[in-house]
């Protein structure tokens, strides 16, 4: 497994249930601009759900992808997992976004 993926997964473990983060926020915290690389790490996550890739959404508050898909049953599963953790939706967007966004601190 690439060392980059391991860094992403360590960071993602810090996002608690009831919060979400974005591909962009993860990349920014890691000091990179490669948002798509974050998506690749999520797609290849062998530790789900212990490493909660379902908590990563797009910067516009929409769900983005899940299990390599951007629509259909996989996205419905992601939405249900987030709802079970207390995340509410208004249509296809996370309600009260970015209020539900996890804030990474400088020690992350």
N, C-alpha and C. Protein backbone atom coordinates (compact mmCIF):
# COMPACT_ATOMS: atom_id res chain seq x y z
N UNK A 1 0.84 -1.18 0.00
CA UNK A 1 0.00 0.00 0.00
C UNK A 1 0.89 1.24 0.00
N UNK A 2 0.56 2.20 -0.86
CA UNK A 2 1.37 3.44 -0.91
C UNK A 2 1.35 4.19 0.43
N UNK A 3 2.50 4.77 0.77
CA UNK A 3 2.62 5.55 2.01
C UNK A 3 1.62 6.70 2.02
N UNK A 4 1.34 7.27 0.84
CA UNK A 4 0.37 8.36 0.76
C UNK A 4 -0.99 7.90 1.25
N UNK A 5 -1.44 6.73 0.84
CA UNK A 5 -2.74 6.21 1.28
C UNK A 5 -2.75 6.07 2.80
N UNK A 6 -1.66 5.58 3.36
CA UNK A 6 -1.60 5.42 4.82
C UNK A 6 -1.75 6.76 5.53
N UNK A 7 -1.15 7.82 4.98
CA UNK A 7 -1.30 9.16 5.56
C UNK A 7 -2.76 9.61 5.50
N UNK A 8 -3.39 9.38 4.37
CA UNK A 8 -4.79 9.76 4.20
C UNK A 8 -5.66 9.01 5.21
N UNK A 9 -5.45 7.72 5.35
CA UNK A 9 -6.27 6.91 6.26
C UNK A 9 -6.07 7.32 7.72
N UNK A 10 -4.82 7.62 8.10
CA UNK A 10 -4.57 8.08 9.48
C UNK A 10 -5.34 9.38 9.76
N UNK A 11 -5.33 10.27 8.80
CA UNK A 11 -6.04 11.54 8.94
C UNK A 11 -7.55 11.31 8.99
N UNK A 12 -8.05 10.49 8.12
CA UNK A 12 -9.49 10.23 8.05
C UNK A 12 -10.03 9.58 9.31
N UNK A 13 -9.22 8.79 10.00
CA UNK A 13 -9.66 8.17 11.26
C UNK A 13 -10.05 9.21 12.30
N UNK A 14 -9.59 10.44 12.13
CA UNK A 14 -9.87 11.50 13.10
C UNK A 14 -11.24 12.15 12.90
N UNK A 15 -11.92 11.82 11.81
CA UNK A 15 -13.23 12.40 11.54
C UNK A 15 -14.27 11.58 12.29
N UNK A 16 -14.92 12.17 13.30
CA UNK A 16 -15.86 11.40 14.13
C UNK A 16 -17.21 11.19 13.44
N UNK A 17 -17.94 10.22 13.94
CA UNK A 17 -19.31 10.00 13.48
C UNK A 17 -20.10 11.29 13.70
N UNK A 18 -20.98 11.61 12.76
CA UNK A 18 -21.77 12.83 12.85
C UNK A 18 -21.10 14.03 12.20
N UNK A 19 -19.91 13.83 11.68
CA UNK A 19 -19.17 14.88 10.97
C UNK A 19 -18.76 14.33 9.61
N UNK A 20 -18.46 15.23 8.71
CA UNK A 20 -17.95 14.86 7.39
C UNK A 20 -16.70 15.69 7.11
N UNK A 21 -15.97 15.30 6.11
CA UNK A 21 -14.87 16.10 5.60
C UNK A 21 -14.97 16.07 4.08
N UNK A 22 -14.11 16.79 3.42
CA UNK A 22 -14.14 16.83 1.97
C UNK A 22 -12.81 16.33 1.42
N UNK A 23 -12.85 15.94 0.15
CA UNK A 23 -11.62 15.55 -0.53
C UNK A 23 -10.62 16.71 -0.46
N UNK A 24 -11.13 17.92 -0.67
CA UNK A 24 -10.29 19.12 -0.67
C UNK A 24 -9.69 19.37 0.72
N UNK A 25 -10.49 19.23 1.78
CA UNK A 25 -9.99 19.46 3.14
C UNK A 25 -8.90 18.46 3.50
N UNK A 26 -9.08 17.21 3.12
CA UNK A 26 -8.05 16.20 3.38
C UNK A 26 -6.77 16.56 2.63
N UNK A 27 -6.89 16.91 1.36
CA UNK A 27 -5.72 17.27 0.57
C UNK A 27 -5.03 18.49 1.16
N UNK A 28 -5.81 19.50 1.50
CA UNK A 28 -5.25 20.73 2.08
C UNK A 28 -4.49 20.43 3.36
N UNK A 29 -5.07 19.61 4.23
CA UNK A 29 -4.44 19.27 5.50
C UNK A 29 -3.13 18.51 5.27
N UNK A 30 -3.09 17.73 4.21
CA UNK A 30 -1.86 16.99 3.87
C UNK A 30 -0.87 17.83 3.07
N UNK A 31 -1.27 19.07 2.74
CA UNK A 31 -0.38 19.97 2.03
C UNK A 31 -0.23 19.68 0.55
N UNK A 32 -1.29 19.13 -0.04
CA UNK A 32 -1.26 18.82 -1.47
C UNK A 32 -2.48 19.43 -2.15
N UNK A 33 -2.49 19.41 -3.48
CA UNK A 33 -3.63 19.90 -4.25
C UNK A 33 -4.31 18.77 -5.01
N UNK A 34 -3.85 17.57 -4.81
CA UNK A 34 -4.32 16.41 -5.57
C UNK A 34 -5.59 15.82 -4.95
N UNK A 35 -6.71 16.51 -5.17
CA UNK A 35 -7.98 16.04 -4.61
C UNK A 35 -8.36 14.67 -5.19
N UNK A 36 -8.05 14.46 -6.45
CA UNK A 36 -8.38 13.17 -7.07
C UNK A 36 -7.57 12.04 -6.44
N UNK A 37 -6.37 12.33 -5.98
CA UNK A 37 -5.57 11.31 -5.30
C UNK A 37 -6.24 10.89 -3.99
N UNK A 38 -6.91 11.83 -3.34
CA UNK A 38 -7.67 11.50 -2.13
C UNK A 38 -8.80 10.54 -2.51
N UNK A 39 -9.47 10.82 -3.61
CA UNK A 39 -10.53 9.95 -4.09
C UNK A 39 -10.02 8.55 -4.39
N UNK A 40 -8.84 8.46 -4.97
CA UNK A 40 -8.25 7.14 -5.25
C UNK A 40 -7.96 6.39 -3.96
N UNK A 41 -7.49 7.10 -2.95
CA UNK A 41 -7.24 6.46 -1.65
C UNK A 41 -8.55 5.94 -1.06
N UNK A 42 -9.62 6.73 -1.20
CA UNK A 42 -10.92 6.28 -0.69
C UNK A 42 -11.39 5.04 -1.44
N UNK A 43 -11.23 5.04 -2.75
CA UNK A 43 -11.67 3.93 -3.58
C UNK A 43 -10.92 2.64 -3.23
N UNK A 44 -9.67 2.78 -2.81
CA UNK A 44 -8.84 1.61 -2.51
C UNK A 44 -8.74 1.30 -1.03
N UNK A 45 -9.63 1.86 -0.23
CA UNK A 45 -9.60 1.70 1.22
C UNK A 45 -9.95 0.25 1.62
N UNK A 46 -8.95 -0.53 2.06
CA UNK A 46 -9.23 -1.90 2.47
C UNK A 46 -9.74 -1.99 3.92
N UNK A 47 -9.76 -0.88 4.62
CA UNK A 47 -10.10 -0.87 6.04
C UNK A 47 -11.50 -0.35 6.36
N UNK A 48 -12.29 -0.10 5.34
CA UNK A 48 -13.65 0.41 5.56
C UNK A 48 -14.47 -0.66 6.30
N UNK A 49 -15.33 -0.28 7.20
CA UNK A 49 -15.66 1.08 7.63
C UNK A 49 -14.81 1.61 8.78
N UNK A 50 -13.81 0.82 9.24
CA UNK A 50 -12.96 1.32 10.33
C UNK A 50 -12.26 2.62 9.93
N UNK A 51 -11.83 2.72 8.69
CA UNK A 51 -11.37 3.98 8.12
C UNK A 51 -12.58 4.52 7.35
N UNK A 52 -13.28 5.51 7.89
CA UNK A 52 -14.61 5.89 7.42
C UNK A 52 -14.65 6.72 6.13
N UNK A 53 -14.33 6.08 5.02
CA UNK A 53 -14.33 6.81 3.74
C UNK A 53 -15.71 7.33 3.38
N UNK A 54 -16.76 6.77 3.97
CA UNK A 54 -18.12 7.27 3.69
C UNK A 54 -18.32 8.68 4.23
N UNK A 55 -17.43 9.15 5.09
CA UNK A 55 -17.54 10.50 5.65
C UNK A 55 -16.87 11.56 4.78
N UNK A 56 -16.36 11.18 3.63
CA UNK A 56 -15.72 12.13 2.73
C UNK A 56 -16.72 12.50 1.63
N UNK A 57 -16.97 13.81 1.51
CA UNK A 57 -17.92 14.31 0.52
C UNK A 57 -17.26 15.39 -0.33
N UNK A 58 -17.98 15.87 -1.31
CA UNK A 58 -17.47 16.94 -2.16
C UNK A 58 -17.59 18.29 -1.45
N UNK A 59 -16.81 19.24 -1.89
CA UNK A 59 -16.79 20.58 -1.28
C UNK A 59 -18.09 21.34 -1.44
N UNK A 60 -18.96 20.90 -2.34
CA UNK A 60 -20.26 21.56 -2.49
C UNK A 60 -21.33 20.94 -1.60
N UNK A 61 -20.94 19.98 -0.76
CA UNK A 61 -21.89 19.35 0.17
C UNK A 61 -22.58 18.13 -0.39
N UNK A 62 -22.33 17.78 -1.65
CA UNK A 62 -22.93 16.56 -2.21
C UNK A 62 -22.06 15.36 -1.88
N UNK A 63 -22.61 14.19 -2.08
CA UNK A 63 -21.96 12.97 -1.62
C UNK A 63 -20.67 12.59 -2.35
N UNK A 64 -20.55 12.90 -3.61
CA UNK A 64 -19.36 12.46 -4.33
C UNK A 64 -19.48 10.99 -4.67
N UNK A 65 -18.41 10.25 -4.53
CA UNK A 65 -18.42 8.83 -4.87
C UNK A 65 -18.37 7.93 -3.66
N UNK A 66 -18.57 6.64 -3.94
CA UNK A 66 -18.48 5.62 -2.89
C UNK A 66 -18.35 4.27 -3.57
N UNK A 67 -17.39 3.50 -3.12
CA UNK A 67 -17.16 2.16 -3.66
C UNK A 67 -16.93 2.21 -5.18
N UNK A 68 -16.29 3.28 -5.64
CA UNK A 68 -16.00 3.42 -7.05
C UNK A 68 -17.16 3.87 -7.90
N UNK A 69 -18.28 4.21 -7.29
CA UNK A 69 -19.49 4.63 -8.03
C UNK A 69 -19.85 6.06 -7.65
N UNK A 70 -20.56 6.74 -8.56
CA UNK A 70 -21.03 8.09 -8.27
C UNK A 70 -22.55 8.17 -8.24
N UNK A 71 -23.22 7.05 -8.47
CA UNK A 71 -24.69 7.01 -8.36
C UNK A 71 -25.12 5.57 -8.14
N UNK A 72 -26.40 5.42 -7.88
CA UNK A 72 -26.95 4.08 -7.72
C UNK A 72 -26.87 3.55 -6.29
N UNK A 73 -26.93 2.23 -6.13
CA UNK A 73 -26.98 1.61 -4.80
C UNK A 73 -25.80 1.97 -3.90
N UNK A 74 -24.61 2.12 -4.46
CA UNK A 74 -23.46 2.47 -3.63
C UNK A 74 -23.65 3.82 -2.96
N UNK A 75 -24.14 4.80 -3.71
CA UNK A 75 -24.35 6.14 -3.16
C UNK A 75 -25.49 6.12 -2.14
N UNK A 76 -26.52 5.35 -2.40
CA UNK A 76 -27.60 5.20 -1.41
C UNK A 76 -27.07 4.59 -0.12
N UNK A 77 -26.15 3.64 -0.24
CA UNK A 77 -25.54 3.02 0.95
C UNK A 77 -24.74 4.06 1.73
N UNK A 78 -23.97 4.89 1.02
CA UNK A 78 -23.19 5.95 1.68
C UNK A 78 -24.12 6.90 2.42
N UNK A 79 -25.19 7.30 1.78
CA UNK A 79 -26.15 8.21 2.39
C UNK A 79 -26.77 7.59 3.64
N UNK A 80 -27.15 6.32 3.56
CA UNK A 80 -27.74 5.64 4.72
C UNK A 80 -26.74 5.52 5.87
N UNK A 81 -25.49 5.26 5.55
CA UNK A 81 -24.46 5.17 6.60
C UNK A 81 -24.31 6.52 7.30
N UNK A 82 -24.31 7.60 6.54
CA UNK A 82 -24.19 8.93 7.13
C UNK A 82 -25.44 9.29 7.95
N UNK A 83 -26.60 8.94 7.44
CA UNK A 83 -27.84 9.21 8.18
C UNK A 83 -27.84 8.45 9.50
N UNK A 84 -27.35 7.25 9.50
CA UNK A 84 -27.28 6.45 10.73
C UNK A 84 -26.39 7.13 11.77
N UNK A 85 -25.41 7.90 11.29
CA UNK A 85 -24.50 8.63 12.17
C UNK A 85 -25.02 10.01 12.55
N UNK A 86 -26.21 10.36 12.06
CA UNK A 86 -26.81 11.63 12.44
C UNK A 86 -26.73 12.73 11.40
N UNK A 87 -26.14 12.46 10.26
CA UNK A 87 -26.06 13.45 9.20
C UNK A 87 -27.41 13.53 8.50
N UNK A 88 -27.91 14.73 8.32
CA UNK A 88 -29.20 14.95 7.65
C UNK A 88 -28.95 15.51 6.26
N UNK A 89 -29.92 15.28 5.38
CA UNK A 89 -29.79 15.71 4.00
C UNK A 89 -30.95 16.60 3.59
N UNK A 90 -30.65 17.54 2.71
CA UNK A 90 -31.66 18.36 2.04
C UNK A 90 -31.46 18.06 0.56
N UNK A 91 -32.29 17.19 0.04
CA UNK A 91 -32.11 16.74 -1.33
C UNK A 91 -30.86 15.89 -1.42
N UNK A 92 -29.95 16.27 -2.31
CA UNK A 92 -28.72 15.48 -2.48
C UNK A 92 -27.52 16.10 -1.75
N UNK A 93 -27.78 17.09 -0.88
CA UNK A 93 -26.70 17.74 -0.15
C UNK A 93 -26.83 17.52 1.35
N UNK A 94 -25.66 17.54 2.00
CA UNK A 94 -25.64 17.45 3.46
C UNK A 94 -26.27 18.72 4.00
N UNK A 95 -27.26 18.56 4.86
CA UNK A 95 -27.94 19.69 5.48
C UNK A 95 -26.98 20.37 6.45
N UNK A 96 -27.07 21.68 6.56
CA UNK A 96 -26.22 22.47 7.46
C UNK A 96 -24.75 22.35 7.13
N UNK A 97 -24.44 22.08 5.87
CA UNK A 97 -23.04 22.06 5.44
C UNK A 97 -22.62 23.49 5.21
N UNK A 98 -21.52 23.97 5.69
CA UNK A 98 -20.38 23.26 6.24
C UNK A 98 -20.35 23.13 7.76
N UNK A 99 -21.47 23.37 8.43
CA UNK A 99 -21.51 23.25 9.89
C UNK A 99 -21.12 21.83 10.35
N UNK A 100 -21.43 20.83 9.55
CA UNK A 100 -21.11 19.45 9.90
C UNK A 100 -19.69 19.06 9.49
N UNK A 101 -18.95 20.01 8.93
CA UNK A 101 -17.60 19.73 8.46
C UNK A 101 -16.63 19.62 9.63
N UNK A 102 -15.88 18.52 9.66
CA UNK A 102 -14.85 18.32 10.69
C UNK A 102 -13.71 19.29 10.43
N UNK A 103 -13.24 19.93 11.47
CA UNK A 103 -12.12 20.86 11.37
C UNK A 103 -10.85 20.15 11.85
N UNK A 104 -9.87 20.05 10.97
CA UNK A 104 -8.59 19.47 11.36
C UNK A 104 -7.76 20.56 12.03
N UNK A 105 -7.04 20.20 13.08
CA UNK A 105 -6.21 21.20 13.75
C UNK A 105 -4.79 21.15 13.20
N UNK A 106 -3.96 22.06 13.62
CA UNK A 106 -2.59 22.16 13.11
C UNK A 106 -1.72 20.97 13.52
N UNK A 107 -2.11 20.24 14.54
CA UNK A 107 -1.33 19.10 15.00
C UNK A 107 -1.69 17.82 14.25
N UNK A 108 -2.57 17.93 13.29
CA UNK A 108 -3.05 16.75 12.57
C UNK A 108 -2.01 16.25 11.60
